[in-house]
Amino acid sequence: MPVIHRVDKFAVPEAARERFWEQVRRTHAVLRQQPGFLDDALLEQHSGPGRFNAVTIVRWSSEDALAGAKAAVEELHRADGFRPADFFREAGIDADVANYVDLSG
């Protein structure tokens, strides 16, 4: 099974930056505890003209591991009463999320 790279890119307005990263850190704390988690990176743009100024990357051992992690994060959000889609809409955050596989060899 190939390693799965979950790459999430965000355009985050400055006014939402602090709360956005707070939620990302809470989410990644849960992800790091899930079976099949390999590693992650939380990146913030510091130069260049790109539209997305925040990127998160998580590597998973398999699609199954990613599915299990998704359920764990949904439970965290339910318990916290956090609704990501509502937060993104209200804060004006644009997201581009997808799963990737490495083709470099």
PDB file of N, CA and C in Angstrom:
ATOM      1  N   MET A   1       0.839  -1.194   0.000  1.00  0.00           N
ATOM      2  CA  MET A   1       0.000   0.000   0.000  1.00  0.00           C
ATOM      3  C   MET A   1       0.876   1.247   0.000  1.00  0.00           C
ATOM      4  N   PRO A   2       0.533   2.199  -0.830  1.00  0.00           N
ATOM      5  CA  PRO A   2       1.333   3.431  -0.845  1.00  0.00           C
ATOM      6  C   PRO A   2       1.034   4.319   0.356  1.00  0.00           C
ATOM      7  N   VAL A   3       2.040   5.080   0.745  1.00  0.00           N
ATOM      8  CA  VAL A   3       1.856   6.101   1.774  1.00  0.00           C
ATOM      9  C   VAL A   3       0.939   7.177   1.203  1.00  0.00           C
ATOM     10  N   ILE A   4       0.004   7.648   2.010  1.00  0.00           N
ATOM     11  CA  ILE A   4      -0.938   8.690   1.605  1.00  0.00           C
ATOM     12  C   ILE A   4      -0.508  10.006   2.236  1.00  0.00           C
ATOM     13  N   HIS A   5      -0.413  11.027   1.418  1.00  0.00           N
ATOM     14  CA  HIS A   5      -0.101  12.383   1.894  1.00  0.00           C
ATOM     15  C   HIS A   5      -1.392  13.183   1.872  1.00  0.00           C
ATOM     16  N   ARG A   6      -1.842  13.608   3.019  1.00  0.00           N
ATOM     17  CA  ARG A   6      -3.007  14.491   3.090  1.00  0.00           C
ATOM     18  C   ARG A   6      -2.463  15.916   3.094  1.00  0.00           C
ATOM     19  N   VAL A   7      -2.787  16.674   2.064  1.00  0.00           N
ATOM     20  CA  VAL A   7      -2.292  18.038   1.920  1.00  0.00           C
ATOM     21  C   VAL A   7      -3.487  18.980   1.924  1.00  0.00           C
ATOM     22  N   ASP A   8      -3.550  19.828   2.925  1.00  0.00           N
ATOM     23  CA  ASP A   8      -4.630  20.806   3.057  1.00  0.00           C
ATOM     24  C   ASP A   8      -4.023  22.198   2.942  1.00  0.00           C
ATOM     25  N   LYS A   9      -4.556  22.983   2.011  1.00  0.00           N
ATOM     26  CA  LYS A   9      -4.069  24.351   1.786  1.00  0.00           C
ATOM     27  C   LYS A   9      -5.199  25.315   2.133  1.00  0.00           C
ATOM     28  N   PHE A  10      -4.828  26.411   2.781  1.00  0.00           N
ATOM     29  CA  PHE A  10      -5.827  27.369   3.250  1.00  0.00           C
ATOM     30  C   PHE A  10      -5.411  28.798   2.937  1.00  0.00           C
ATOM     31  N   ALA A  11      -6.381  29.610   2.560  1.00  0.00           N
ATOM     32  CA  ALA A  11      -6.203  31.065   2.490  1.00  0.00           C
ATOM     33  C   ALA A  11      -6.905  31.612   3.732  1.00  0.00           C
ATOM     34  N   VAL A  12      -6.112  32.039   4.703  1.00  0.00           N
ATOM     35  CA  VAL A  12      -6.631  32.444   6.008  1.00  0.00           C
ATOM     36  C   VAL A  12      -6.466  33.956   6.193  1.00  0.00           C
ATOM     37  N   PRO A  13      -7.576  34.688   6.352  1.00  0.00           N
ATOM     38  CA  PRO A  13      -7.458  36.124   6.638  1.00  0.00           C
ATOM     39  C   PRO A  13      -6.747  36.346   7.972  1.00  0.00           C
ATOM     40  N   GLU A  14      -6.023  37.433   8.078  1.00  0.00           N
ATOM     41  CA  GLU A  14      -5.266  37.739   9.297  1.00  0.00           C
ATOM     42  C   GLU A  14      -6.151  37.705  10.541  1.00  0.00           C
ATOM     43  N   ALA A  15      -7.379  38.194  10.445  1.00  0.00           N
ATOM     44  CA  ALA A  15      -8.283  38.243  11.603  1.00  0.00           C
ATOM     45  C   ALA A  15      -8.620  36.856  12.133  1.00  0.00           C
ATOM     46  N   ALA A  16      -8.518  35.831  11.302  1.00  0.00           N
ATOM     47  CA  ALA A  16      -8.859  34.468  11.717  1.00  0.00           C
ATOM     48  C   ALA A  16      -7.629  33.621  12.027  1.00  0.00           C
ATOM     49  N   ARG A  17      -6.451  34.186  11.797  1.00  0.00           N
ATOM     50  CA  ARG A  17      -5.210  33.417  11.905  1.00  0.00           C
ATOM     51  C   ARG A  17      -5.039  32.722  13.252  1.00  0.00           C
ATOM     52  N   GLU A  18      -5.179  33.402  14.341  1.00  0.00           N
ATOM     53  CA  GLU A  18      -4.935  32.818  15.664  1.00  0.00           C
ATOM     54  C   GLU A  18      -5.885  31.653  15.943  1.00  0.00           C
ATOM     55  N   ARG A  19      -7.168  31.867  15.710  1.00  0.00           N
ATOM     56  CA  ARG A  19      -8.143  30.794  15.970  1.00  0.00           C
ATOM     57  C   ARG A  19      -7.929  29.621  15.016  1.00  0.00           C
ATOM     58  N   PHE A  20      -7.602  29.918  13.768  1.00  0.00           N
ATOM     59  CA  PHE A  20      -7.333  28.862  12.797  1.00  0.00           C
ATOM     60  C   PHE A  20      -6.216  27.947  13.295  1.00  0.00           C
ATOM     61  N   TRP A  21      -5.063  28.521  13.663  1.00  0.00           N
ATOM     62  CA  TRP A  21      -3.936  27.703  14.104  1.00  0.00           C
ATOM     63  C   TRP A  21      -4.236  26.986  15.421  1.00  0.00           C
ATOM     64  N   GLU A  22      -5.021  27.598  16.277  1.00  0.00           N
ATOM     65  CA  GLU A  22      -5.434  26.923  17.516  1.00  0.00           C
ATOM     66  C   GLU A  22      -6.196  25.639  17.185  1.00  0.00           C
ATOM     67  N   GLN A  23      -7.131  25.732  16.260  1.00  0.00           N
ATOM     68  CA  GLN A  23      -7.912  24.548  15.870  1.00  0.00           C
ATOM     69  C   GLN A  23      -7.044  23.523  15.153  1.00  0.00           C
ATOM     70  N   VAL A  24      -6.163  23.983  14.311  1.00  0.00           N
ATOM     71  CA  VAL A  24      -5.270  23.053  13.603  1.00  0.00           C
ATOM     72  C   VAL A  24      -4.417  22.287  14.613  1.00  0.00           C
ATOM     73  N   ARG A  25      -3.876  22.977  15.589  1.00  0.00           N
ATOM     74  CA  ARG A  25      -3.031  22.297  16.590  1.00  0.00           C
ATOM     75  C   ARG A  25      -3.827  21.275  17.403  1.00  0.00           C
ATOM     76  N   ARG A  26      -5.059  21.616  17.756  1.00  0.00           N
ATOM     77  CA  ARG A  26      -5.910  20.662  18.487  1.00  0.00           C
ATOM     78  C   ARG A  26      -6.178  19.424  17.620  1.00  0.00           C
ATOM     79  N   THR A  27      -6.484  19.657  16.373  1.00  0.00           N
ATOM     80  CA  THR A  27      -6.752  18.556  15.457  1.00  0.00           C
ATOM     81  C   THR A  27      -5.520  17.678  15.275  1.00  0.00           C
ATOM     82  N   HIS A  28      -4.373  18.294  15.072  1.00  0.00           N
ATOM     83  CA  HIS A  28      -3.159  17.514  14.840  1.00  0.00           C
ATOM     84  C   HIS A  28      -2.703  16.767  16.095  1.00  0.00           C
ATOM     85  N   ALA A  29      -3.023  17.271  17.266  1.00  0.00           N
ATOM     86  CA  ALA A  29      -2.717  16.525  18.494  1.00  0.00           C
ATOM     87  C   ALA A  29      -3.457  15.188  18.486  1.00  0.00           C
ATOM     88  N   VAL A  30      -4.687  15.185  17.988  1.00  0.00           N
ATOM     89  CA  VAL A  30      -5.457  13.940  17.877  1.00  0.00           C
ATOM     90  C   VAL A  30      -4.899  13.067  16.755  1.00  0.00           C
ATOM     91  N   LEU A  31      -4.604  13.669  15.617  1.00  0.00           N
ATOM     92  CA  LEU A  31      -4.083  12.903  14.483  1.00  0.00           C
ATOM     93  C   LEU A  31      -2.802  12.164  14.850  1.00  0.00           C
ATOM     94  N   ARG A  32      -1.929  12.814  15.602  1.00  0.00           N
ATOM     95  CA  ARG A  32      -0.636  12.211  15.956  1.00  0.00           C
ATOM     96  C   ARG A  32      -0.789  10.960  16.821  1.00  0.00           C
ATOM     97  N   GLN A  33      -1.940  10.781  17.421  1.00  0.00           N
ATOM     98  CA  GLN A  33      -2.192   9.620  18.276  1.00  0.00           C
ATOM     99  C   GLN A  33      -2.855   8.460  17.534  1.00  0.00           C
ATOM    100  N   GLN A  34      -3.170   8.654  16.262  1.00  0.00           N
ATOM    101  CA  GLN A  34      -3.927   7.651  15.522  1.00  0.00           C
ATOM    102  C   GLN A  34      -3.021   6.589  14.900  1.00  0.00           C
ATOM    103  N   PRO A  35      -3.523   5.343  14.830  1.00  0.00           N
ATOM    104  CA  PRO A  35      -2.765   4.283  14.151  1.00  0.00           C
ATOM    105  C   PRO A  35      -2.507   4.675  12.693  1.00  0.00           C
ATOM    106  N   GLY A  36      -1.303   4.421  12.233  1.00  0.00           N
ATOM    107  CA  GLY A  36      -0.958   4.703  10.849  1.00  0.00           C
ATOM    108  C   GLY A  36      -0.416   6.095  10.595  1.00  0.00           C
ATOM    109  N   PHE A  37      -0.411   6.954  11.632  1.00  0.00           N
ATOM    110  CA  PHE A  37       0.177   8.293  11.495  1.00  0.00           C
ATOM    111  C   PHE A  37       1.689   8.135  11.336  1.00  0.00           C
ATOM    112  N   LEU A  38       2.257   8.810  10.342  1.00  0.00           N
ATOM    113  CA  LEU A  38       3.703   8.759  10.139  1.00  0.00           C
ATOM    114  C   LEU A  38       4.381  10.057  10.576  1.00  0.00           C
ATOM    115  N   ASP A  39       3.924  11.180  10.045  1.00  0.00           N
ATOM    116  CA  ASP A  39       4.454  12.475  10.461  1.00  0.00           C
ATOM    117  C   ASP A  39       3.587  13.580   9.882  1.00  0.00           C
ATOM    118  N   ASP A  40       3.867  14.808  10.312  1.00  0.00           N
ATOM    119  CA  ASP A  40       3.082  15.929   9.815  1.00  0.00           C
ATOM    120  C   ASP A  40       3.925  17.194   9.773  1.00  0.00           C
ATOM    121  N   ALA A  41       3.375  18.208   9.109  1.00  0.00           N
ATOM    122  CA  ALA A  41       3.998  19.526   9.042  1.00  0.00           C
ATOM    123  C   ALA A  41       2.888  20.564   9.021  1.00  0.00           C
ATOM    124  N   LEU A  42       3.080  21.626   9.790  1.00  0.00           N
ATOM    125  CA  LEU A  42       2.165  22.768   9.810  1.00  0.00           C
ATOM    126  C   LEU A  42       2.967  23.948   9.275  1.00  0.00           C
ATOM    127  N   LEU A  43       2.586  24.434   8.112  1.00  0.00           N
ATOM    128  CA  LEU A  43       3.391  25.427   7.405  1.00  0.00           C
ATOM    129  C   LEU A  43       2.617  26.722   7.205  1.00  0.00           C
ATOM    130  N   GLU A  44       3.331  27.844   7.400  1.00  0.00           N
ATOM    131  CA  GLU A  44       2.737  29.147   7.145  1.00  0.00           C
ATOM    132  C   GLU A  44       3.643  29.895   6.171  1.00  0.00           C
ATOM    133  N   GLN A  45       3.047  30.440   5.145  1.00  0.00           N
ATOM    134  CA  GLN A  45       3.792  31.160   4.117  1.00  0.00           C
ATOM    135  C   GLN A  45       4.477  32.389   4.708  1.00  0.00           C
ATOM    136  N   HIS A  46       5.738  32.590   4.347  1.00  0.00           N
ATOM    137  CA  HIS A  46       6.432  33.785   4.831  1.00  0.00           C
ATOM    138  C   HIS A  46       6.938  34.650   3.684  1.00  0.00           C
ATOM    139  N   SER A  47       6.837  34.170   2.439  1.00  0.00           N
ATOM    140  CA  SER A  47       7.179  34.995   1.285  1.00  0.00           C
ATOM    141  C   SER A  47       6.557  34.382   0.039  1.00  0.00           C
ATOM    142  N   GLY A  48       6.532  35.153  -1.020  1.00  0.00           N
ATOM    143  CA  GLY A  48       6.002  34.678  -2.288  1.00  0.00           C
ATOM    144  C   GLY A  48       4.569  35.104  -2.515  1.00  0.00           C
ATOM    145  N   PRO A  49       4.129  35.002  -3.767  1.00  0.00           N
ATOM    146  CA  PRO A  49       2.811  35.508  -4.151  1.00  0.00           C
ATOM    147  C   PRO A  49       1.668  34.503  -4.030  1.00  0.00           C
ATOM    148  N   GLY A  50       1.909  33.325  -3.493  1.00  0.00           N
ATOM    149  CA  GLY A  50       0.877  32.285  -3.454  1.00  0.00           C
ATOM    150  C   GLY A  50      -0.399  32.721  -2.754  1.00  0.00           C
ATOM    151  N   ARG A  51      -1.508  32.159  -3.203  1.00  0.00           N
ATOM    152  CA  ARG A  51      -2.821  32.482  -2.638  1.00  0.00           C
ATOM    153  C   ARG A  51      -3.032  31.821  -1.279  1.00  0.00           C
ATOM    154  N   PHE A  52      -2.526  30.609  -1.111  1.00  0.00           N
ATOM    155  CA  PHE A  52      -2.720  29.884   0.138  1.00  0.00           C
ATOM    156  C   PHE A  52      -1.582  30.217   1.100  1.00  0.00           C
ATOM    157  N   ASN A  53      -1.927  30.681   2.307  1.00  0.00           N
ATOM    158  CA  ASN A  53      -0.897  31.103   3.255  1.00  0.00           C
ATOM    159  C   ASN A  53      -0.702  30.135   4.419  1.00  0.00           C
ATOM    160  N   ALA A  54      -1.447  29.029   4.408  1.00  0.00           N
ATOM    161  CA  ALA A  54      -1.280  27.994   5.430  1.00  0.00           C
ATOM    162  C   ALA A  54      -1.427  26.638   4.755  1.00  0.00           C
ATOM    163  N   VAL A  55      -0.541  25.714   5.091  1.00  0.00           N
ATOM    164  CA  VAL A  55      -0.580  24.369   4.523  1.00  0.00           C
ATOM    165  C   VAL A  55      -0.314  23.382   5.645  1.00  0.00           C
ATOM    166  N   THR A  56      -1.105  22.322   5.678  1.00  0.00           N
ATOM    167  CA  THR A  56      -0.833  21.223   6.596  1.00  0.00           C
ATOM    168  C   THR A  56      -0.639  19.963   5.761  1.00  0.00           C
ATOM    169  N   ILE A  57       0.317  19.149   6.177  1.00  0.00           N
ATOM    170  CA  ILE A  57       0.598  17.896   5.486  1.00  0.00           C
ATOM    171  C   ILE A  57       0.680  16.808   6.546  1.00  0.00           C
ATOM    172  N   VAL A  58      -0.024  15.718   6.309  1.00  0.00           N
ATOM    173  CA  VAL A  58       0.068  14.549   7.184  1.00  0.00           C
ATOM    174  C   VAL A  58       0.317  13.337   6.305  1.00  0.00           C
ATOM    175  N   ARG A  59       1.296  12.535   6.694  1.00  0.00           N
ATOM    176  CA  ARG A  59       1.552  11.286   5.971  1.00  0.00           C
ATOM    177  C   ARG A  59       0.953  10.128   6.756  1.00  0.00           C
ATOM    178  N   TRP A  60       0.203   9.302   6.029  1.00  0.00           N
ATOM    179  CA  TRP A  60      -0.470   8.137   6.599  1.00  0.00           C
ATOM    180  C   TRP A  60       0.049   6.861   5.957  1.00  0.00           C
ATOM    181  N   SER A  61       0.069   5.795   6.731  1.00  0.00           N
ATOM    182  CA  SER A  61       0.572   4.523   6.221  1.00  0.00           C
ATOM    183  C   SER A  61      -0.357   3.902   5.189  1.00  0.00           C
ATOM    184  N   SER A  62      -1.649   4.297   5.187  1.00  0.00           N
ATOM    185  CA  SER A  62      -2.609   3.702   4.250  1.00  0.00           C
ATOM    186  C   SER A  62      -3.894   4.524   4.204  1.00  0.00           C
ATOM    187  N   GLU A  63      -4.730   4.232   3.225  1.00  0.00           N
ATOM    188  CA  GLU A  63      -6.050   4.858   3.133  1.00  0.00           C
ATOM    189  C   GLU A  63      -6.891   4.501   4.358  1.00  0.00           C
ATOM    190  N   ASP A  64      -6.766   3.258   4.831  1.00  0.00           N
ATOM    191  CA  ASP A  64      -7.530   2.823   6.004  1.00  0.00           C
ATOM    192  C   ASP A  64      -7.158   3.648   7.238  1.00  0.00           C
ATOM    193  N   ALA A  65      -5.862   3.915   7.413  1.00  0.00           N
ATOM    194  CA  ALA A  65      -5.420   4.726   8.555  1.00  0.00           C
ATOM    195  C   ALA A  65      -6.005   6.126   8.460  1.00  0.00           C
ATOM    196  N   LEU A  66      -6.018   6.685   7.269  1.00  0.00           N
ATOM    197  CA  LEU A  66      -6.587   8.016   7.064  1.00  0.00           C
ATOM    198  C   LEU A  66      -8.072   8.033   7.405  1.00  0.00           C
ATOM    199  N   ALA A  67      -8.799   7.006   7.004  1.00  0.00           N
ATOM    200  CA  ALA A  67     -10.239   6.925   7.306  1.00  0.00           C
ATOM    201  C   ALA A  67     -10.481   6.863   8.813  1.00  0.00           C
ATOM    202  N   GLY A  68      -9.679   6.083   9.523  1.00  0.00           N
ATOM    203  CA  GLY A  68      -9.817   6.011  10.972  1.00  0.00           C
ATOM    204  C   GLY A  68      -9.530   7.334  11.647  1.00  0.00           C
ATOM    205  N   ALA A  69      -8.539   8.036  11.149  1.00  0.00           N
ATOM    206  CA  ALA A  69      -8.179   9.340  11.710  1.00  0.00           C
ATOM    207  C   ALA A  69      -9.291  10.352  11.472  1.00  0.00           C
ATOM    208  N   LYS A  70      -9.920  10.281  10.317  1.00  0.00           N
ATOM    209  CA  LYS A  70     -11.021  11.197  10.015  1.00  0.00           C
ATOM    210  C   LYS A  70     -12.139  11.033  11.043  1.00  0.00           C
ATOM    211  N   ALA A  71     -12.450   9.799  11.390  1.00  0.00           N
ATOM    212  CA  ALA A  71     -13.495   9.533  12.389  1.00  0.00           C
ATOM    213  C   ALA A  71     -13.101  10.103  13.750  1.00  0.00           C
ATOM    214  N   ALA A  72     -11.841   9.972  14.126  1.00  0.00           N
ATOM    215  CA  ALA A  72     -11.371  10.496  15.417  1.00  0.00           C
ATOM    216  C   ALA A  72     -11.479  12.017  15.457  1.00  0.00           C
ATOM    217  N   VAL A  73     -11.152  12.668  14.354  1.00  0.00           N
ATOM    218  CA  VAL A  73     -11.236  14.133  14.295  1.00  0.00           C
ATOM    219  C   VAL A  73     -12.698  14.578  14.327  1.00  0.00           C
ATOM    220  N   GLU A  74     -13.559  13.869  13.629  1.00  0.00           N
ATOM    221  CA  GLU A  74     -14.985  14.209  13.668  1.00  0.00           C
ATOM    222  C   GLU A  74     -15.529  14.103  15.091  1.00  0.00           C
ATOM    223  N   GLU A  75     -15.072  13.117  15.841  1.00  0.00           N
ATOM    224  CA  GLU A  75     -15.496  12.966  17.231  1.00  0.00           C
ATOM    225  C   GLU A  75     -14.986  14.128  18.084  1.00  0.00           C
ATOM    226  N   LEU A  76     -13.735  14.532  17.882  1.00  0.00           N
ATOM    227  CA  LEU A  76     -13.186  15.690  18.595  1.00  0.00           C
ATOM    228  C   LEU A  76     -14.034  16.924  18.325  1.00  0.00           C
ATOM    229  N   HIS A  77     -14.337  17.170  17.078  1.00  0.00           N
ATOM    230  CA  HIS A  77     -15.117  18.353  16.711  1.00  0.00           C
ATOM    231  C   HIS A  77     -16.518  18.293  17.303  1.00  0.00           C
ATOM    232  N   ARG A  78     -17.137  17.116  17.283  1.00  0.00           N
ATOM    233  CA  ARG A  78     -18.460  16.956  17.905  1.00  0.00           C
ATOM    234  C   ARG A  78     -18.397  17.264  19.389  1.00  0.00           C
ATOM    235  N   ALA A  79     -17.408  16.717  20.062  1.00  0.00           N
ATOM    236  CA  ALA A  79     -17.268  16.921  21.510  1.00  0.00           C
ATOM    237  C   ALA A  79     -17.024  18.400  21.847  1.00  0.00           C
ATOM    238  N   ASP A  80     -16.293  19.089  20.977  1.00  0.00           N
ATOM    239  CA  ASP A  80     -15.993  20.512  21.190  1.00  0.00           C
ATOM    240  C   ASP A  80     -17.096  21.437  20.691  1.00  0.00           C
ATOM    241  N   GLY A  81     -18.045  20.887  19.943  1.00  0.00           N
ATOM    242  CA  GLY A  81     -19.066  21.731  19.324  1.00  0.00           C
ATOM    243  C   GLY A  81     -18.493  22.598  18.217  1.00  0.00           C
ATOM    244  N   PHE A  82     -17.389  22.151  17.623  1.00  0.00           N
ATOM    245  CA  PHE A  82     -16.722  22.905  16.560  1.00  0.00           C
ATOM    246  C   PHE A  82     -17.184  22.391  15.206  1.00  0.00           C
ATOM    247  N   ARG A  83     -17.612  23.310  14.350  1.00  0.00           N
ATOM    248  CA  ARG A  83     -18.059  22.961  13.002  1.00  0.00           C
ATOM    249  C   ARG A  83     -17.132  23.652  12.004  1.00  0.00           C
ATOM    250  N   PRO A  84     -16.172  22.898  11.484  1.00  0.00           N
ATOM    251  CA  PRO A  84     -15.179  23.506  10.597  1.00  0.00           C
ATOM    252  C   PRO A  84     -15.780  24.269   9.423  1.00  0.00           C
ATOM    253  N   ALA A  85     -16.767  23.713   8.751  1.00  0.00           N
ATOM    254  CA  ALA A  85     -17.346  24.394   7.588  1.00  0.00           C
ATOM    255  C   ALA A  85     -17.948  25.737   7.978  1.00  0.00           C
ATOM    256  N   ASP A  86     -18.624  25.781   9.123  1.00  0.00           N
ATOM    257  CA  ASP A  86     -19.195  27.049   9.601  1.00  0.00           C
ATOM    258  C   ASP A  86     -18.097  28.045   9.938  1.00  0.00           C
ATOM    259  N   PHE A  87     -17.062  27.583  10.641  1.00  0.00           N
ATOM    260  CA  PHE A  87     -15.946  28.460  10.995  1.00  0.00           C
ATOM    261  C   PHE A  87     -15.280  29.025   9.741  1.00  0.00           C
ATOM    262  N   PHE A  88     -15.005  28.165   8.763  1.00  0.00           N
ATOM    263  CA  PHE A  88     -14.363  28.625   7.533  1.00  0.00           C
ATOM    264  C   PHE A  88     -15.221  29.675   6.830  1.00  0.00           C
ATOM    265  N   ARG A  89     -16.501  29.418   6.729  1.00  0.00           N
ATOM    266  CA  ARG A  89     -17.404  30.360   6.057  1.00  0.00           C
ATOM    267  C   ARG A  89     -17.435  31.701   6.793  1.00  0.00           C
ATOM    268  N   GLU A  90     -17.628  31.655   8.109  1.00  0.00           N
ATOM    269  CA  GLU A  90     -17.721  32.878   8.904  1.00  0.00           C
ATOM    270  C   GLU A  90     -16.410  33.666   8.913  1.00  0.00           C
ATOM    271  N   ALA A  91     -15.279  32.959   8.897  1.00  0.00           N
ATOM    272  CA  ALA A  91     -13.972  33.611   8.967  1.00  0.00           C
ATOM    273  C   ALA A  91     -13.437  33.996   7.590  1.00  0.00           C
ATOM    274  N   GLY A  92     -14.101  33.526   6.531  1.00  0.00           N
ATOM    275  CA  GLY A  92     -13.629  33.827   5.180  1.00  0.00           C
ATOM    276  C   GLY A  92     -12.417  33.005   4.771  1.00  0.00           C
ATOM    277  N   ILE A  93     -12.309  31.803   5.313  1.00  0.00           N
ATOM    278  CA  ILE A  93     -11.194  30.910   4.993  1.00  0.00           C
ATOM    279  C   ILE A  93     -11.562  30.067   3.780  1.00  0.00           C
ATOM    280  N   ASP A  94     -10.663  30.022   2.815  1.00  0.00           N
ATOM    281  CA  ASP A  94     -10.839  29.186   1.626  1.00  0.00           C
ATOM    282  C   ASP A  94      -9.904  27.989   1.766  1.00  0.00           C
ATOM    283  N   ALA A  95     -10.413  26.795   1.477  1.00  0.00           N
ATOM    284  CA  ALA A  95      -9.613  25.585   1.649  1.00  0.00           C
ATOM    285  C   ALA A  95      -9.553  24.771   0.361  1.00  0.00           C
ATOM    286  N   ASP A  96      -8.424  24.112   0.161  1.00  0.00           N
ATOM    287  CA  ASP A  96      -8.219  23.167  -0.930  1.00  0.00           C
ATOM    288  C   ASP A  96      -7.588  21.938  -0.275  1.00  0.00           C
ATOM    289  N   VAL A  97      -8.338  20.846  -0.171  1.00  0.00           N
ATOM    290  CA  VAL A  97      -7.853  19.661   0.537  1.00  0.00           C
ATOM    291  C   VAL A  97      -7.900  18.447  -0.388  1.00  0.00           C
ATOM    292  N   ALA A  98      -6.852  17.616  -0.303  1.00  0.00           N
ATOM    293  CA  ALA A  98      -6.811  16.438  -1.158  1.00  0.00           C
ATOM    294  C   ALA A  98      -5.769  15.448  -0.616  1.00  0.00           C
ATOM    295  N   ASN A  99      -5.879  14.221  -1.113  1.00  0.00           N
ATOM    296  CA  ASN A  99      -4.932  13.180  -0.774  1.00  0.00           C
ATOM    297  C   ASN A  99      -4.017  12.959  -1.973  1.00  0.00           C
ATOM    298  N   TYR A 100      -2.737  12.718  -1.695  1.00  0.00           N
ATOM    299  CA  TYR A 100      -1.734  12.554  -2.737  1.00  0.00           C
ATOM    300  C   TYR A 100      -0.907  11.302  -2.465  1.00  0.00           C
ATOM    301  N   VAL A 101      -0.318  10.757  -3.531  1.00  0.00           N
ATOM    302  CA  VAL A 101       0.675   9.698  -3.404  1.00  0.00           C
ATOM    303  C   VAL A 101       1.962  10.207  -4.037  1.00  0.00           C
ATOM    304  N   ASP A 102       3.080   9.719  -3.545  1.00  0.00           N
ATOM    305  CA  ASP A 102       4.409  10.137  -3.990  1.00  0.00           C
ATOM    306  C   ASP A 102       4.787   9.381  -5.266  1.00  0.00           C
ATOM    307  N   LEU A 103       5.124  10.101  -6.310  1.00  0.00           N
ATOM    308  CA  LEU A 103       5.515   9.491  -7.579  1.00  0.00           C
ATOM    309  C   LEU A 103       7.018   9.591  -7.839  1.00  0.00           C
ATOM    310  N   SER A 104       7.775  10.058  -6.836  1.00  0.00           N
ATOM    311  CA  SER A 104       9.198  10.304  -7.057  1.00  0.00           C
ATOM    312  C   SER A 104      10.041   9.029  -7.115  1.00  0.00           C
ATOM    313  N   GLY A 105       9.472   7.921  -6.755  1.00  0.00           N
ATOM    314  CA  GLY A 105      10.267   6.709  -6.880  1.00  0.00           C
ATOM    315  C   GLY A 105      10.025   5.792  -5.813  1.00  0.00           C
TER     316      GLY A 105
END
